Amino acid sequence: HGDADLDEAEQRYDEVAKGGIPDD
């Protein structure tokens, strides 16, 4: 997917891992 989507993918993983709900 390239670098552009990496940060968002990792952030979404962290949100869910902490029990949160992603914004998107």
PDB file of all heavy atoms in Angstrom:
ATOM      1  N   HIS A   1       0.801  -1.224   0.000  1.00  0.00           N
ATOM      2  CA  HIS A   1       0.000   0.000   0.000  1.00  0.00           C
ATOM      3  C   HIS A   1       0.834   1.275   0.000  1.00  0.00           C
ATOM      4  O   HIS A   1       0.278   2.359  -0.152  1.00  0.00           O
ATOM      5  CB  HIS A   1      -0.943   0.016   1.211  1.00  0.00           C
ATOM      6  CG  HIS A   1      -1.985  -1.060   1.181  1.00  0.00           C
ATOM      7  ND1 HIS A   1      -3.115  -0.984   0.396  1.00  0.00           N
ATOM      8  CD2 HIS A   1      -2.058  -2.259   1.823  1.00  0.00           C
ATOM      9  CE1 HIS A   1      -3.843  -2.077   0.561  1.00  0.00           C
ATOM     10  NE2 HIS A   1      -3.226  -2.867   1.421  1.00  0.00           N
ATOM     11  N   GLY A   2       2.144   1.150   0.190  1.00  0.00           N
ATOM     12  CA  GLY A   2       2.991   2.333   0.229  1.00  0.00           C
ATOM     13  C   GLY A   2       2.986   2.990   1.601  1.00  0.00           C
ATOM     14  O   GLY A   2       2.251   2.597   2.508  1.00  0.00           O
ATOM     15  N   ASP A   3       3.813   4.019   1.738  1.00  0.00           N
ATOM     16  CA  ASP A   3       3.953   4.701   3.024  1.00  0.00           C
ATOM     17  C   ASP A   3       2.730   5.529   3.398  1.00  0.00           C
ATOM     18  O   ASP A   3       2.470   5.766   4.579  1.00  0.00           O
ATOM     19  CB  ASP A   3       5.182   5.632   3.001  1.00  0.00           C
ATOM     20  CG  ASP A   3       6.481   4.851   2.890  1.00  0.00           C
ATOM     21  OD1 ASP A   3       6.548   3.743   3.456  1.00  0.00           O
ATOM     22  OD2 ASP A   3       7.424   5.350   2.243  1.00  0.00           O
ATOM     23  N   ALA A   4       1.987   5.990   2.399  1.00  0.00           N
ATOM     24  CA  ALA A   4       0.908   6.952   2.654  1.00  0.00           C
ATOM     25  C   ALA A   4      -0.148   6.411   3.612  1.00  0.00           C
ATOM     26  O   ALA A   4      -0.685   7.165   4.432  1.00  0.00           O
ATOM     27  CB  ALA A   4       0.255   7.356   1.331  1.00  0.00           C
ATOM     28  N   ASP A   5      -0.467   5.117   3.538  1.00  0.00           N
ATOM     29  CA  ASP A   5      -1.539   4.552   4.358  1.00  0.00           C
ATOM     30  C   ASP A   5      -1.037   3.896   5.636  1.00  0.00           C
ATOM     31  O   ASP A   5      -1.833   3.405   6.437  1.00  0.00           O
ATOM     32  CB  ASP A   5      -2.321   3.509   3.550  1.00  0.00           C
ATOM     33  CG  ASP A   5      -3.057   4.121   2.367  1.00  0.00           C
ATOM     34  OD1 ASP A   5      -3.709   5.159   2.579  1.00  0.00           O
ATOM     35  OD2 ASP A   5      -2.980   3.567   1.265  1.00  0.00           O
ATOM     36  N   LEU A   6       0.289   3.877   5.828  1.00  0.00           N
ATOM     37  CA  LEU A   6       0.842   3.120   6.947  1.00  0.00           C
ATOM     38  C   LEU A   6       0.465   3.718   8.299  1.00  0.00           C
ATOM     39  O   LEU A   6       0.002   2.998   9.193  1.00  0.00           O
ATOM     40  CB  LEU A   6       2.363   3.032   6.818  1.00  0.00           C
ATOM     41  CG  LEU A   6       3.085   2.330   7.973  1.00  0.00           C
ATOM     42  CD1 LEU A   6       2.581   0.904   8.140  1.00  0.00           C
ATOM     43  CD2 LEU A   6       4.592   2.345   7.726  1.00  0.00           C
ATOM     44  N   ASP A   7       0.659   5.011   8.460  1.00  0.00           N
ATOM     45  CA  ASP A   7       0.401   5.629   9.767  1.00  0.00           C
ATOM     46  C   ASP A   7      -1.050   5.454  10.188  1.00  0.00           C
ATOM     47  O   ASP A   7      -1.345   5.157  11.355  1.00  0.00           O
ATOM     48  CB  ASP A   7       0.762   7.117   9.729  1.00  0.00           C
ATOM     49  CG  ASP A   7       2.262   7.347   9.667  1.00  0.00           C
ATOM     50  OD1 ASP A   7       3.017   6.393   9.953  1.00  0.00           O
ATOM     51  OD2 ASP A   7       2.677   8.464   9.313  1.00  0.00           O
ATOM     52  N   GLU A   8      -1.955   5.643   9.235  1.00  0.00           N
ATOM     53  CA  GLU A   8      -3.378   5.513   9.549  1.00  0.00           C
ATOM     54  C   GLU A   8      -3.719   4.071   9.938  1.00  0.00           C
ATOM     55  O   GLU A   8      -4.503   3.841  10.862  1.00  0.00           O
ATOM     56  CB  GLU A   8      -4.216   5.944   8.349  1.00  0.00           C
ATOM     57  CG  GLU A   8      -5.716   5.898   8.604  1.00  0.00           C
ATOM     58  CD  GLU A   8      -6.531   6.357   7.406  1.00  0.00           C
ATOM     59  OE1 GLU A   8      -5.945   6.936   6.482  1.00  0.00           O
ATOM     60  OE2 GLU A   8      -7.758   6.112   7.414  1.00  0.00           O
ATOM     61  N   ALA A   9      -3.126   3.104   9.234  1.00  0.00           N
ATOM     62  CA  ALA A   9      -3.384   1.698   9.540  1.00  0.00           C
ATOM     63  C   ALA A   9      -2.900   1.353  10.944  1.00  0.00           C
ATOM     64  O   ALA A   9      -3.597   0.675  11.707  1.00  0.00           O
ATOM     65  CB  ALA A   9      -2.693   0.808   8.508  1.00  0.00           C
ATOM     66  N   GLU A  10      -1.717   1.831  11.300  1.00  0.00           N
ATOM     67  CA  GLU A  10      -1.176   1.541  12.635  1.00  0.00           C
ATOM     68  C   GLU A  10      -1.985   2.246  13.709  1.00  0.00           C
ATOM     69  O   GLU A  10      -2.257   1.683  14.780  1.00  0.00           O
ATOM     70  CB  GLU A  10       0.288   1.953  12.706  1.00  0.00           C
ATOM     71  CG  GLU A  10       0.967   1.514  13.988  1.00  0.00           C
ATOM     72  CD  GLU A  10       2.480   1.642  13.937  1.00  0.00           C
ATOM     73  OE1 GLU A  10       3.010   2.213  12.960  1.00  0.00           O
ATOM     74  OE2 GLU A  10       3.135   1.167  14.889  1.00  0.00           O
ATOM     75  N   GLN A  11      -2.408   3.476  13.438  1.00  0.00           N
ATOM     76  CA  GLN A  11      -3.213   4.215  14.404  1.00  0.00           C
ATOM     77  C   GLN A  11      -4.549   3.519  14.641  1.00  0.00           C
ATOM     78  O   GLN A  11      -5.007   3.407  15.786  1.00  0.00           O
ATOM     79  CB  GLN A  11      -3.459   5.644  13.901  1.00  0.00           C
ATOM     80  CG  GLN A  11      -4.280   6.499  14.859  1.00  0.00           C
ATOM     81  CD  GLN A  11      -4.508   7.908  14.316  1.00  0.00           C
ATOM     82  OE1 GLN A  11      -4.008   8.270  13.258  1.00  0.00           O
ATOM     83  NE2 GLN A  11      -5.278   8.699  15.042  1.00  0.00           N
ATOM     84  N   ARG A  12      -5.162   3.035  13.573  1.00  0.00           N
ATOM     85  CA  ARG A  12      -6.440   2.333  13.714  1.00  0.00           C
ATOM     86  C   ARG A  12      -6.256   1.067  14.546  1.00  0.00           C
ATOM     87  O   ARG A  12      -7.091   0.753  15.410  1.00  0.00           O
ATOM     88  CB  ARG A  12      -6.998   1.981  12.340  1.00  0.00           C
ATOM     89  CG  ARG A  12      -8.354   1.287  12.396  1.00  0.00           C
ATOM     90  CD  ARG A  12      -8.804   0.880  11.013  1.00  0.00           C
ATOM     91  NE  ARG A  12     -10.066   0.133  11.069  1.00  0.00           N
ATOM     92  CZ  ARG A  12     -11.253   0.638  10.799  1.00  0.00           C
ATOM     93  NH1 ARG A  12     -11.357   1.905  10.458  1.00  0.00           N
ATOM     94  NH2 ARG A  12     -12.341  -0.115  10.858  1.00  0.00           N
ATOM     95  N   TYR A  13      -5.163   0.349  14.299  1.00  0.00           N
ATOM     96  CA  TYR A  13      -4.893  -0.857  15.081  1.00  0.00           C
ATOM     97  C   TYR A  13      -4.771  -0.506  16.560  1.00  0.00           C
ATOM     98  O   TYR A  13      -5.338  -1.190  17.427  1.00  0.00           O
ATOM     99  CB  TYR A  13      -3.615  -1.537  14.593  1.00  0.00           C
ATOM    100  CG  TYR A  13      -3.192  -2.689  15.482  1.00  0.00           C
ATOM    101  CD1 TYR A  13      -3.797  -3.933  15.376  1.00  0.00           C
ATOM    102  CD2 TYR A  13      -2.222  -2.503  16.478  1.00  0.00           C
ATOM    103  CE1 TYR A  13      -3.446  -4.980  16.214  1.00  0.00           C
ATOM    104  CE2 TYR A  13      -1.866  -3.546  17.313  1.00  0.00           C
ATOM    105  CZ  TYR A  13      -2.472  -4.776  17.187  1.00  0.00           C
ATOM    106  OH  TYR A  13      -2.127  -5.806  18.031  1.00  0.00           O
ATOM    107  N   ASP A  14      -4.046   0.553  16.878  1.00  0.00           N
ATOM    108  CA  ASP A  14      -3.847   0.941  18.273  1.00  0.00           C
ATOM    109  C   ASP A  14      -5.158   1.347  18.935  1.00  0.00           C
ATOM    110  O   ASP A  14      -5.408   1.025  20.104  1.00  0.00           O
ATOM    111  CB  ASP A  14      -2.837   2.092  18.357  1.00  0.00           C
ATOM    112  CG  ASP A  14      -1.411   1.640  18.042  1.00  0.00           C
ATOM    113  OD1 ASP A  14      -1.138   0.436  18.174  1.00  0.00           O
ATOM    114  OD2 ASP A  14      -0.593   2.490  17.650  1.00  0.00           O
ATOM    115  N   GLU A  15      -6.008   2.052  18.200  1.00  0.00           N
ATOM    116  CA  GLU A  15      -7.297   2.470  18.758  1.00  0.00           C
ATOM    117  C   GLU A  15      -8.137   1.257  19.147  1.00  0.00           C
ATOM    118  O   GLU A  15      -8.706   1.193  20.233  1.00  0.00           O
ATOM    119  CB  GLU A  15      -8.063   3.315  17.735  1.00  0.00           C
ATOM    120  CG  GLU A  15      -7.498   4.711  17.522  1.00  0.00           C
ATOM    121  CD  GLU A  15      -8.237   5.448  16.420  1.00  0.00           C
ATOM    122  OE1 GLU A  15      -9.112   4.829  15.774  1.00  0.00           O
ATOM    123  OE2 GLU A  15      -7.930   6.629  16.182  1.00  0.00           O
ATOM    124  N   VAL A  16      -8.212   0.293  18.230  1.00  0.00           N
ATOM    125  CA  VAL A  16      -9.020  -0.898  18.486  1.00  0.00           C
ATOM    126  C   VAL A  16      -8.401  -1.737  19.598  1.00  0.00           C
ATOM    127  O   VAL A  16      -9.107  -2.283  20.456  1.00  0.00           O
ATOM    128  CB  VAL A  16      -9.169  -1.726  17.195  1.00  0.00           C
ATOM    129  CG1 VAL A  16      -9.888  -3.038  17.482  1.00  0.00           C
ATOM    130  CG2 VAL A  16      -9.940  -0.921  16.150  1.00  0.00           C
ATOM    131  N   ALA A  17      -7.080  -1.848  19.611  1.00  0.00           N
ATOM    132  CA  ALA A  17      -6.399  -2.643  20.636  1.00  0.00           C
ATOM    133  C   ALA A  17      -6.672  -2.091  22.036  1.00  0.00           C
ATOM    134  O   ALA A  17      -6.692  -2.834  23.017  1.00  0.00           O
ATOM    135  CB  ALA A  17      -4.897  -2.677  20.363  1.00  0.00           C
ATOM    136  N   LYS A  18      -6.874  -0.788  22.120  1.00  0.00           N
ATOM    137  CA  LYS A  18      -7.159  -0.158  23.409  1.00  0.00           C
ATOM    138  C   LYS A  18      -8.644  -0.136  23.735  1.00  0.00           C
ATOM    139  O   LYS A  18      -9.066   0.453  24.735  1.00  0.00           O
ATOM    140  CB  LYS A  18      -6.620   1.276  23.412  1.00  0.00           C
ATOM    141  CG  LYS A  18      -5.095   1.359  23.318  1.00  0.00           C
ATOM    142  CD  LYS A  18      -4.637   2.798  23.195  1.00  0.00           C
ATOM    143  CE  LYS A  18      -3.122   2.889  23.050  1.00  0.00           C
ATOM    144  NZ  LYS A  18      -2.669   4.293  22.845  1.00  0.00           N
ATOM    145  N   GLY A  19      -9.438  -0.779  22.877  1.00  0.00           N
ATOM    146  CA  GLY A  19     -10.875  -0.837  23.141  1.00  0.00           C
ATOM    147  C   GLY A  19     -11.648   0.315  22.552  1.00  0.00           C
ATOM    148  O   GLY A  19     -12.846   0.464  22.805  1.00  0.00           O
ATOM    149  N   GLY A  20     -11.004   1.150  21.755  1.00  0.00           N
ATOM    150  CA  GLY A  20     -11.679   2.289  21.150  1.00  0.00           C
ATOM    151  C   GLY A  20     -12.393   1.914  19.871  1.00  0.00           C
ATOM    152  O   GLY A  20     -12.281   0.802  19.364  1.00  0.00           O
ATOM    153  N   ILE A  21     -13.144   2.877  19.346  1.00  0.00           N
ATOM    154  CA  ILE A  21     -13.867   2.696  18.094  1.00  0.00           C
ATOM    155  C   ILE A  21     -13.272   3.651  17.070  1.00  0.00           C
ATOM    156  O   ILE A  21     -13.220   4.864  17.322  1.00  0.00           O
ATOM    157  CB  ILE A  21     -15.376   2.972  18.274  1.00  0.00           C
ATOM    158  CG1 ILE A  21     -15.974   1.989  19.287  1.00  0.00           C
ATOM    159  CG2 ILE A  21     -16.102   2.868  16.933  1.00  0.00           C
ATOM    160  CD1 ILE A  21     -17.423   2.275  19.627  1.00  0.00           C
ATOM    161  N   PRO A  22     -12.813   3.169  15.938  1.00  0.00           N
ATOM    162  CA  PRO A  22     -12.230   4.055  14.927  1.00  0.00           C
ATOM    163  C   PRO A  22     -13.231   5.101  14.459  1.00  0.00           C
ATOM    164  O   PRO A  22     -14.447   4.898  14.501  1.00  0.00           O
ATOM    165  CB  PRO A  22     -11.860   3.098  13.792  1.00  0.00           C
ATOM    166  CG  PRO A  22     -11.794   1.750  14.433  1.00  0.00           C
ATOM    167  CD  PRO A  22     -12.801   1.774  15.539  1.00  0.00           C
ATOM    168  N   ASP A  23     -12.712   6.226  13.985  1.00  0.00           N
ATOM    169  CA  ASP A  23     -13.582   7.313  13.531  1.00  0.00           C
ATOM    170  C   ASP A  23     -14.225   7.019  12.174  1.00  0.00           C
ATOM    171  O   ASP A  23     -15.314   7.508  11.882  1.00  0.00           O
ATOM    172  CB  ASP A  23     -12.780   8.617  13.422  1.00  0.00           C
ATOM    173  CG  ASP A  23     -12.299   9.100  14.785  1.00  0.00           C
ATOM    174  OD1 ASP A  23     -12.984   8.835  15.791  1.00  0.00           O
ATOM    175  OD2 ASP A  23     -11.223   9.738  14.834  1.00  0.00           O
ATOM    176  N   ASP A  24     -13.548   6.232  11.352  1.00  0.00           N
ATOM    177  CA  ASP A  24     -13.974   6.076   9.961  1.00  0.00           C
ATOM    178  C   ASP A  24     -14.695   4.752   9.702  1.00  0.00           C
ATOM    179  O   ASP A  24     -14.510   4.131   8.660  1.00  0.00           O
ATOM    180  CB  ASP A  24     -12.775   6.185   9.021  1.00  0.00           C
ATOM    181  CG  ASP A  24     -11.724   5.113   9.299  1.00  0.00           C
ATOM    182  OD1 ASP A  24     -11.764   4.533  10.397  1.00  0.00           O
ATOM    183  OD2 ASP A  24     -10.880   4.865   8.416  1.00  0.00           O
TER     184      ASP A  24
END
